[in-house]
Amino acid sequence: RNMATVVRISSSVSGSAFSRGVPGIGQRMLMGIDTGLT
């Protein structure tokens, strides 16, 4: 089981590239990132 982070694009995340949305699919609501924590 891996850890992931999900960000609501409509929320304010200062200085974040997340505001650009998910590349290539035109969906801007949510983005997920596999953190791959050690």
ModelCIF file with pLDDT and N, C-alpha, C, O atoms, coordinates in Angstrom:
data_MODEL
#
_entry.id   MODEL 
#
_entity.id                         1 
_entity.type                       polymer 
_entity.pdbx_number_of_molecules   1 
#
_entity_poly.entity_id                      1 
_entity_poly.type                           'polypeptide(L)' 
_entity_poly.nstd_linkage                   no 
_entity_poly.nstd_monomer                   no 
_entity_poly.pdbx_seq_one_letter_code       RNMATVVRISSSVSGSAFSRGVPGIGQRMLMGIDTGLT 
_entity_poly.pdbx_seq_one_letter_code_can   RNMATVVRISSSVSGSAFSRGVPGIGQRMLMGIDTGLT 
_entity_poly.pdbx_strand_id                 A 
#
loop_
_entity_poly_seq.entity_id 
_entity_poly_seq.num 
_entity_poly_seq.mon_id 
_entity_poly_seq.hetero 
1 1  ARG n 
1 2  ASN n 
1 3  MET n 
1 4  ALA n 
1 5  THR n 
1 6  VAL n 
1 7  VAL n 
1 8  ARG n 
1 9  ILE n 
1 10 SER n 
1 11 SER n 
1 12 SER n 
1 13 VAL n 
1 14 SER n 
1 15 GLY n 
1 16 SER n 
1 17 ALA n 
1 18 PHE n 
1 19 SER n 
1 20 ARG n 
1 21 GLY n 
1 22 VAL n 
1 23 PRO n 
1 24 GLY n 
1 25 ILE n 
1 26 GLY n 
1 27 GLN n 
1 28 ARG n 
1 29 MET n 
1 30 LEU n 
1 31 MET n 
1 32 GLY n 
1 33 ILE n 
1 34 ASP n 
1 35 THR n 
1 36 GLY n 
1 37 LEU n 
1 38 THR n 
#
_struct_asym.id          A 
_struct_asym.entity_id   1 
#
loop_
_ma_qa_metric.id 
_ma_qa_metric.mode 
_ma_qa_metric.name 
_ma_qa_metric.software_group_id 
_ma_qa_metric.type 
1 global pLDDT . pLDDT 
2 local  pLDDT . pLDDT 
#
_ma_qa_metric_global.metric_id      1 
_ma_qa_metric_global.metric_value   51.08 
_ma_qa_metric_global.model_id       1 
_ma_qa_metric_global.ordinal_id     1 
#
loop_
_ma_qa_metric_local.label_asym_id 
_ma_qa_metric_local.label_comp_id 
_ma_qa_metric_local.label_seq_id 
_ma_qa_metric_local.metric_id 
_ma_qa_metric_local.metric_value 
_ma_qa_metric_local.model_id 
_ma_qa_metric_local.ordinal_id 
A ARG 1  2 83.00 1 1  
A ASN 2  2 80.00 1 2  
A MET 3  2 79.00 1 3  
A ALA 4  2 75.00 1 4  
A THR 5  2 78.00 1 5  
A VAL 6  2 77.00 1 6  
A VAL 7  2 78.00 1 7  
A ARG 8  2 75.00 1 8  
A ILE 9  2 75.00 1 9  
A SER 10 2 69.00 1 10 
A SER 11 2 56.00 1 11 
A SER 12 2 52.00 1 12 
A VAL 13 2 50.00 1 13 
A SER 14 2 50.00 1 14 
A GLY 15 2 46.00 1 15 
A SER 16 2 46.00 1 16 
A ALA 17 2 46.00 1 17 
A PHE 18 2 41.00 1 18 
A SER 19 2 40.00 1 19 
A ARG 20 2 45.00 1 20 
A GLY 21 2 42.00 1 21 
A VAL 22 2 42.00 1 22 
A PRO 23 2 42.00 1 23 
A GLY 24 2 42.00 1 24 
A ILE 25 2 42.00 1 25 
A GLY 26 2 41.00 1 26 
A GLN 27 2 39.00 1 27 
A ARG 28 2 37.00 1 28 
A MET 29 2 38.00 1 29 
A LEU 30 2 38.00 1 30 
A MET 31 2 37.00 1 31 
A GLY 32 2 38.00 1 32 
A ILE 33 2 37.00 1 33 
A ASP 34 2 40.00 1 34 
A THR 35 2 33.00 1 35 
A GLY 36 2 39.00 1 36 
A LEU 37 2 36.00 1 37 
A THR 38 2 37.00 1 38 
#
loop_
_atom_site.group_PDB 
_atom_site.id 
_atom_site.type_symbol 
_atom_site.label_atom_id 
_atom_site.label_alt_id 
_atom_site.label_comp_id 
_atom_site.label_asym_id 
_atom_site.label_entity_id 
_atom_site.label_seq_id 
_atom_site.pdbx_PDB_ins_code 
_atom_site.Cartn_x 
_atom_site.Cartn_y 
_atom_site.Cartn_z 
_atom_site.occupancy 
_atom_site.B_iso_or_equiv 
_atom_site.pdbx_formal_charge 
_atom_site.auth_seq_id 
_atom_site.auth_comp_id 
_atom_site.auth_asym_id 
_atom_site.auth_atom_id 
_atom_site.pdbx_PDB_model_num 
ATOM 1   N N  . ARG A 1 1  ? 0.864   -1.183 0.000   1.00 83.00 ? 1  ARG A N  1 
ATOM 2   C CA . ARG A 1 1  ? 0.000   0.000  0.000   1.00 83.00 ? 1  ARG A CA 1 
ATOM 3   C C  . ARG A 1 1  ? 0.896   1.227  0.000   1.00 83.00 ? 1  ARG A C  1 
ATOM 4   O O  . ARG A 1 1  ? 1.740   1.377  0.884   1.00 83.00 ? 1  ARG A O  1 
ATOM 5   N N  . ASN A 1 2  ? 0.724   2.106  -0.980  1.00 80.00 ? 2  ASN A N  1 
ATOM 6   C CA . ASN A 1 2  ? 1.523   3.312  -1.093  1.00 80.00 ? 2  ASN A CA 1 
ATOM 7   C C  . ASN A 1 2  ? 0.744   4.525  -0.610  1.00 80.00 ? 2  ASN A C  1 
ATOM 8   O O  . ASN A 1 2  ? -0.486  4.529  -0.598  1.00 80.00 ? 2  ASN A O  1 
ATOM 9   N N  . MET A 1 3  ? 1.481   5.549  -0.212  1.00 79.00 ? 3  MET A N  1 
ATOM 10  C CA . MET A 1 3  ? 0.852   6.787  0.215   1.00 79.00 ? 3  MET A CA 1 
ATOM 11  C C  . MET A 1 3  ? 0.710   7.722  -0.978  1.00 79.00 ? 3  MET A C  1 
ATOM 12  O O  . MET A 1 3  ? 1.600   7.790  -1.827  1.00 79.00 ? 3  MET A O  1 
ATOM 13  N N  . ALA A 1 4  ? -0.400  8.439  -1.044  1.00 75.00 ? 4  ALA A N  1 
ATOM 14  C CA . ALA A 1 4  ? -0.624  9.403  -2.118  1.00 75.00 ? 4  ALA A CA 1 
ATOM 15  C C  . ALA A 1 4  ? -1.231  10.667 -1.549  1.00 75.00 ? 4  ALA A C  1 
ATOM 16  O O  . ALA A 1 4  ? -1.865  10.644 -0.494  1.00 75.00 ? 4  ALA A O  1 
ATOM 17  N N  . THR A 1 5  ? -1.033  11.773 -2.253  1.00 78.00 ? 5  THR A N  1 
ATOM 18  C CA . THR A 1 5  ? -1.629  13.048 -1.878  1.00 78.00 ? 5  THR A CA 1 
ATOM 19  C C  . THR A 1 5  ? -2.578  13.489 -2.974  1.00 78.00 ? 5  THR A C  1 
ATOM 20  O O  . THR A 1 5  ? -2.238  13.420 -4.155  1.00 78.00 ? 5  THR A O  1 
ATOM 21  N N  . VAL A 1 6  ? -3.764  13.941 -2.595  1.00 77.00 ? 6  VAL A N  1 
ATOM 22  C CA . VAL A 1 6  ? -4.741  14.445 -3.562  1.00 77.00 ? 6  VAL A CA 1 
ATOM 23  C C  . VAL A 1 6  ? -5.029  15.898 -3.224  1.00 77.00 ? 6  VAL A C  1 
ATOM 24  O O  . VAL A 1 6  ? -5.338  16.230 -2.079  1.00 77.00 ? 6  VAL A O  1 
ATOM 25  N N  . VAL A 1 7  ? -4.927  16.757 -4.224  1.00 78.00 ? 7  VAL A N  1 
ATOM 26  C CA . VAL A 1 7  ? -5.106  18.187 -4.022  1.00 78.00 ? 7  VAL A CA 1 
ATOM 27  C C  . VAL A 1 7  ? -6.300  18.664 -4.817  1.00 78.00 ? 7  VAL A C  1 
ATOM 28  O O  . VAL A 1 7  ? -6.412  18.363 -6.006  1.00 78.00 ? 7  VAL A O  1 
ATOM 29  N N  . ARG A 1 8  ? -7.194  19.404 -4.181  1.00 75.00 ? 8  ARG A N  1 
ATOM 30  C CA . ARG A 1 8  ? -8.314  20.018 -4.884  1.00 75.00 ? 8  ARG A CA 1 
ATOM 31  C C  . ARG A 1 8  ? -7.803  21.274 -5.576  1.00 75.00 ? 8  ARG A C  1 
ATOM 32  O O  . ARG A 1 8  ? -7.417  22.238 -4.915  1.00 75.00 ? 8  ARG A O  1 
ATOM 33  N N  . ILE A 1 9  ? -7.803  21.262 -6.916  1.00 75.00 ? 9  ILE A N  1 
ATOM 34  C CA . ILE A 1 9  ? -7.194  22.343 -7.674  1.00 75.00 ? 9  ILE A CA 1 
ATOM 35  C C  . ILE A 1 9  ? -7.881  23.678 -7.407  1.00 75.00 ? 9  ILE A C  1 
ATOM 36  O O  . ILE A 1 9  ? -7.237  24.723 -7.492  1.00 75.00 ? 9  ILE A O  1 
ATOM 37  N N  . SER A 1 10 ? -9.147  23.666 -7.092  1.00 69.00 ? 10 SER A N  1 
ATOM 38  C CA . SER A 1 10 ? -9.872  24.904 -6.871  1.00 69.00 ? 10 SER A CA 1 
ATOM 39  C C  . SER A 1 10 ? -9.466  25.591 -5.572  1.00 69.00 ? 10 SER A C  1 
ATOM 40  O O  . SER A 1 10 ? -9.771  26.767 -5.376  1.00 69.00 ? 10 SER A O  1 
ATOM 41  N N  . SER A 1 11 ? -8.770  24.860 -4.668  1.00 56.00 ? 11 SER A N  1 
ATOM 42  C CA . SER A 1 11 ? -8.321  25.478 -3.423  1.00 56.00 ? 11 SER A CA 1 
ATOM 43  C C  . SER A 1 11 ? -7.036  26.241 -3.668  1.00 56.00 ? 11 SER A C  1 
ATOM 44  O O  . SER A 1 11 ? -6.353  26.007 -4.665  1.00 56.00 ? 11 SER A O  1 
ATOM 45  N N  . SER A 1 12 ? -6.702  27.148 -2.768  1.00 52.00 ? 12 SER A N  1 
ATOM 46  C CA . SER A 1 12 ? -5.513  27.982 -2.925  1.00 52.00 ? 12 SER A CA 1 
ATOM 47  C C  . SER A 1 12 ? -4.313  27.268 -2.331  1.00 52.00 ? 12 SER A C  1 
ATOM 48  O O  . SER A 1 12 ? -4.270  26.990 -1.133  1.00 52.00 ? 12 SER A O  1 
ATOM 49  N N  . VAL A 1 13 ? -3.331  26.972 -3.189  1.00 50.00 ? 13 VAL A N  1 
ATOM 50  C CA . VAL A 1 13 ? -2.071  26.382 -2.745  1.00 50.00 ? 13 VAL A CA 1 
ATOM 51  C C  . VAL A 1 13 ? -0.979  27.302 -3.245  1.00 50.00 ? 13 VAL A C  1 
ATOM 52  O O  . VAL A 1 13 ? -0.605  27.239 -4.416  1.00 50.00 ? 13 VAL A O  1 
ATOM 53  N N  . SER A 1 14 ? -0.467  28.148 -2.385  1.00 50.00 ? 14 SER A N  1 
ATOM 54  C CA . SER A 1 14 ? 0.451   29.201 -2.778  1.00 50.00 ? 14 SER A CA 1 
ATOM 55  C C  . SER A 1 14 ? 1.711   28.641 -3.413  1.00 50.00 ? 14 SER A C  1 
ATOM 56  O O  . SER A 1 14 ? 2.344   27.727 -2.884  1.00 50.00 ? 14 SER A O  1 
ATOM 57  N N  . GLY A 1 15 ? 2.064   29.214 -4.571  1.00 46.00 ? 15 GLY A N  1 
ATOM 58  C CA . GLY A 1 15 ? 3.301   28.843 -5.233  1.00 46.00 ? 15 GLY A CA 1 
ATOM 59  C C  . GLY A 1 15 ? 3.303   27.459 -5.814  1.00 46.00 ? 15 GLY A C  1 
ATOM 60  O O  . GLY A 1 15 ? 4.368   26.921 -6.116  1.00 46.00 ? 15 GLY A O  1 
ATOM 61  N N  . SER A 1 16 ? 2.155   26.869 -5.980  1.00 46.00 ? 16 SER A N  1 
ATOM 62  C CA . SER A 1 16 ? 2.101   25.477 -6.421  1.00 46.00 ? 16 SER A CA 1 
ATOM 63  C C  . SER A 1 16 ? 1.846   25.365 -7.907  1.00 46.00 ? 16 SER A C  1 
ATOM 64  O O  . SER A 1 16 ? 1.054   26.122 -8.469  1.00 46.00 ? 16 SER A O  1 
ATOM 65  N N  . ALA A 1 17 ? 2.515   24.421 -8.544  1.00 46.00 ? 17 ALA A N  1 
ATOM 66  C CA . ALA A 1 17 ? 2.261   24.148 -9.956  1.00 46.00 ? 17 ALA A CA 1 
ATOM 67  C C  . ALA A 1 17 ? 0.953   23.422 -10.162 1.00 46.00 ? 17 ALA A C  1 
ATOM 68  O O  . ALA A 1 17 ? 0.507   23.256 -11.297 1.00 46.00 ? 17 ALA A O  1 
ATOM 69  N N  . PHE A 1 18 ? 0.307   22.970 -9.041  1.00 41.00 ? 18 PHE A N  1 
ATOM 70  C CA . PHE A 1 18 ? -0.940  22.234 -9.165  1.00 41.00 ? 18 PHE A CA 1 
ATOM 71  C C  . PHE A 1 18 ? -2.031  23.063 -9.839  1.00 41.00 ? 18 PHE A C  1 
ATOM 72  O O  . PHE A 1 18 ? -2.953  22.504 -10.433 1.00 41.00 ? 18 PHE A O  1 
ATOM 73  N N  . SER A 1 19 ? -1.933  24.400 -9.752  1.00 40.00 ? 19 SER A N  1 
ATOM 74  C CA . SER A 1 19 ? -2.985  25.252 -10.294 1.00 40.00 ? 19 SER A CA 1 
ATOM 75  C C  . SER A 1 19 ? -3.128  25.107 -11.804 1.00 40.00 ? 19 SER A C  1 
ATOM 76  O O  . SER A 1 19 ? -4.129  25.527 -12.384 1.00 40.00 ? 19 SER A O  1 
ATOM 77  N N  . ARG A 1 20 ? -2.129  24.514 -12.432 1.00 45.00 ? 20 ARG A N  1 
ATOM 78  C CA . ARG A 1 20 ? -2.212  24.331 -13.878 1.00 45.00 ? 20 ARG A CA 1 
ATOM 79  C C  . ARG A 1 20 ? -3.097  23.159 -14.264 1.00 45.00 ? 20 ARG A C  1 
ATOM 80  O O  . ARG A 1 20 ? -3.442  23.005 -15.435 1.00 45.00 ? 20 ARG A O  1 
ATOM 81  N N  . GLY A 1 21 ? -3.465  22.339 -13.304 1.00 42.00 ? 21 GLY A N  1 
ATOM 82  C CA . GLY A 1 21 ? -4.354  21.230 -13.597 1.00 42.00 ? 21 GLY A CA 1 
ATOM 83  C C  . GLY A 1 21 ? -3.606  19.999 -14.069 1.00 42.00 ? 21 GLY A C  1 
ATOM 84  O O  . GLY A 1 21 ? -2.375  19.979 -14.099 1.00 42.00 ? 21 GLY A O  1 
ATOM 85  N N  . VAL A 1 22 ? -4.353  18.982 -14.435 1.00 42.00 ? 22 VAL A N  1 
ATOM 86  C CA . VAL A 1 22 ? -3.775  17.716 -14.888 1.00 42.00 ? 22 VAL A CA 1 
ATOM 87  C C  . VAL A 1 22 ? -3.428  17.829 -16.358 1.00 42.00 ? 22 VAL A C  1 
ATOM 88  O O  . VAL A 1 22 ? -4.316  18.119 -17.160 1.00 42.00 ? 22 VAL A O  1 
ATOM 89  N N  . PRO A 1 23 ? -2.163  17.611 -16.761 1.00 42.00 ? 23 PRO A N  1 
ATOM 90  C CA . PRO A 1 23 ? -1.768  17.804 -18.157 1.00 42.00 ? 23 PRO A CA 1 
ATOM 91  C C  . PRO A 1 23 ? -2.526  16.895 -19.104 1.00 42.00 ? 23 PRO A C  1 
ATOM 92  O O  . PRO A 1 23 ? -2.697  15.705 -18.842 1.00 42.00 ? 23 PRO A O  1 
ATOM 93  N N  . GLY A 1 24 ? -2.974  17.466 -20.199 1.00 42.00 ? 24 GLY A N  1 
ATOM 94  C CA . GLY A 1 24 ? -3.449  16.665 -21.311 1.00 42.00 ? 24 GLY A CA 1 
ATOM 95  C C  . GLY A 1 24 ? -4.869  16.184 -21.255 1.00 42.00 ? 24 GLY A C  1 
ATOM 96  O O  . GLY A 1 24 ? -5.351  15.601 -22.226 1.00 42.00 ? 24 GLY A O  1 
ATOM 97  N N  . ILE A 1 25 ? -5.582  16.407 -20.126 1.00 42.00 ? 25 ILE A N  1 
ATOM 98  C CA . ILE A 1 25 ? -6.942  15.885 -20.083 1.00 42.00 ? 25 ILE A CA 1 
ATOM 99  C C  . ILE A 1 25 ? -7.979  16.942 -19.750 1.00 42.00 ? 25 ILE A C  1 
ATOM 100 O O  . ILE A 1 25 ? -9.175  16.650 -19.711 1.00 42.00 ? 25 ILE A O  1 
ATOM 101 N N  . GLY A 1 26 ? -7.524  18.187 -19.506 1.00 41.00 ? 26 GLY A N  1 
ATOM 102 C CA . GLY A 1 26 ? -8.461  19.268 -19.299 1.00 41.00 ? 26 GLY A CA 1 
ATOM 103 C C  . GLY A 1 26 ? -9.276  19.172 -18.026 1.00 41.00 ? 26 GLY A C  1 
ATOM 104 O O  . GLY A 1 26 ? -10.327 19.803 -17.915 1.00 41.00 ? 26 GLY A O  1 
ATOM 105 N N  . GLN A 1 27 ? -8.804  18.384 -17.054 1.00 39.00 ? 27 GLN A N  1 
ATOM 106 C CA . GLN A 1 27 ? -9.521  18.259 -15.794 1.00 39.00 ? 27 GLN A CA 1 
ATOM 107 C C  . GLN A 1 27 ? -8.761  19.031 -14.733 1.00 39.00 ? 27 GLN A C  1 
ATOM 108 O O  . GLN A 1 27 ? -7.576  18.776 -14.518 1.00 39.00 ? 27 GLN A O  1 
ATOM 109 N N  . ARG A 1 28 ? -9.431  19.989 -14.052 1.00 37.00 ? 28 ARG A N  1 
ATOM 110 C CA . ARG A 1 28 ? -8.745  20.864 -13.127 1.00 37.00 ? 28 ARG A CA 1 
ATOM 111 C C  . ARG A 1 28 ? -9.223  20.702 -11.682 1.00 37.00 ? 28 ARG A C  1 
ATOM 112 O O  . ARG A 1 28 ? -8.757  21.414 -10.793 1.00 37.00 ? 28 ARG A O  1 
ATOM 113 N N  . MET A 1 29 ? -10.131 19.788 -11.447 1.00 38.00 ? 29 MET A N  1 
ATOM 114 C CA . MET A 1 29 ? -10.669 19.639 -10.096 1.00 38.00 ? 29 MET A CA 1 
ATOM 115 C C  . MET A 1 29 ? -9.690  18.987 -9.126  1.00 38.00 ? 29 MET A C  1 
ATOM 116 O O  . MET A 1 29 ? -9.484  19.483 -8.018  1.00 38.00 ? 29 MET A O  1 
ATOM 117 N N  . LEU A 1 30 ? -9.088  17.878 -9.543  1.00 38.00 ? 30 LEU A N  1 
ATOM 118 C CA . LEU A 1 30 ? -8.270  17.103 -8.621  1.00 38.00 ? 30 LEU A CA 1 
ATOM 119 C C  . LEU A 1 30 ? -6.992  16.644 -9.287  1.00 38.00 ? 30 LEU A C  1 
ATOM 120 O O  . LEU A 1 30 ? -6.962  16.389 -10.491 1.00 38.00 ? 30 LEU A O  1 
ATOM 121 N N  . MET A 1 31 ? -5.946  16.542 -8.505  1.00 37.00 ? 31 MET A N  1 
ATOM 122 C CA . MET A 1 31 ? -4.702  15.950 -8.988  1.00 37.00 ? 31 MET A CA 1 
ATOM 123 C C  . MET A 1 31 ? -4.161  15.038 -7.914  1.00 37.00 ? 31 MET A C  1 
ATOM 124 O O  . MET A 1 31 ? -4.242  15.366 -6.730  1.00 37.00 ? 31 MET A O  1 
ATOM 125 N N  . GLY A 1 32 ? -3.609  13.895 -8.296  1.00 38.00 ? 32 GLY A N  1 
ATOM 126 C CA . GLY A 1 32 ? -3.034  12.986 -7.319  1.00 38.00 ? 32 GLY A CA 1 
ATOM 127 C C  . GLY A 1 32 ? -1.557  12.812 -7.571  1.00 38.00 ? 32 GLY A C  1 
ATOM 128 O O  . GLY A 1 32 ? -1.111  12.820 -8.718  1.00 38.00 ? 32 GLY A O  1 
ATOM 129 N N  . ILE A 1 33 ? -0.798  12.656 -6.507  1.00 37.00 ? 33 ILE A N  1 
ATOM 130 C CA . ILE A 1 33 ? 0.639   12.456 -6.621  1.00 37.00 ? 33 ILE A CA 1 
ATOM 131 C C  . ILE A 1 33 ? 1.033   11.278 -5.765  1.00 37.00 ? 33 ILE A C  1 
ATOM 132 O O  . ILE A 1 33 ? 0.684   11.224 -4.585  1.00 37.00 ? 33 ILE A O  1 
ATOM 133 N N  . ASP A 1 34 ? 1.758   10.328 -6.342  1.00 40.00 ? 34 ASP A N  1 
ATOM 134 C CA . ASP A 1 34 ? 2.303   9.225  -5.553  1.00 40.00 ? 34 ASP A CA 1 
ATOM 135 C C  . ASP A 1 34 ? 3.552   9.759  -4.870  1.00 40.00 ? 34 ASP A C  1 
ATOM 136 O O  . ASP A 1 34 ? 4.551   10.021 -5.541  1.00 40.00 ? 34 ASP A O  1 
ATOM 137 N N  . THR A 1 35 ? 3.521   9.927  -3.550  1.00 33.00 ? 35 THR A N  1 
ATOM 138 C CA . THR A 1 35 ? 4.608   10.592 -2.855  1.00 33.00 ? 35 THR A CA 1 
ATOM 139 C C  . THR A 1 35 ? 5.876   9.756  -2.808  1.00 33.00 ? 35 THR A C  1 
ATOM 140 O O  . THR A 1 35 ? 6.974   10.311 -2.760  1.00 33.00 ? 35 THR A O  1 
ATOM 141 N N  . GLY A 1 36 ? 5.749   8.428  -2.820  1.00 39.00 ? 36 GLY A N  1 
ATOM 142 C CA . GLY A 1 36 ? 6.925   7.568  -2.770  1.00 39.00 ? 36 GLY A CA 1 
ATOM 143 C C  . GLY A 1 36 ? 7.782   7.820  -1.538  1.00 39.00 ? 36 GLY A C  1 
ATOM 144 O O  . GLY A 1 36 ? 9.008   7.858  -1.638  1.00 39.00 ? 36 GLY A O  1 
ATOM 145 N N  . LEU A 1 37 ? 7.163   7.991  -0.391  1.00 36.00 ? 37 LEU A N  1 
ATOM 146 C CA . LEU A 1 37 ? 7.892   8.337  0.822   1.00 36.00 ? 37 LEU A CA 1 
ATOM 147 C C  . LEU A 1 37 ? 8.884   7.252  1.220   1.00 36.00 ? 37 LEU A C  1 
ATOM 148 O O  . LEU A 1 37 ? 8.579   6.061  1.143   1.00 36.00 ? 37 LEU A O  1 
ATOM 149 N N  . THR A 1 38 ? 10.055  7.665  1.638   1.00 37.00 ? 38 THR A N  1 
ATOM 150 C CA . THR A 1 38 ? 10.997  6.755  2.277   1.00 37.00 ? 38 THR A CA 1 
ATOM 151 C C  . THR A 1 38 ? 10.872  6.938  3.777   1.00 37.00 ? 38 THR A C  1 
ATOM 152 O O  . THR A 1 38 ? 11.573  6.272  4.541   1.00 37.00 ? 38 THR A O  1 
#
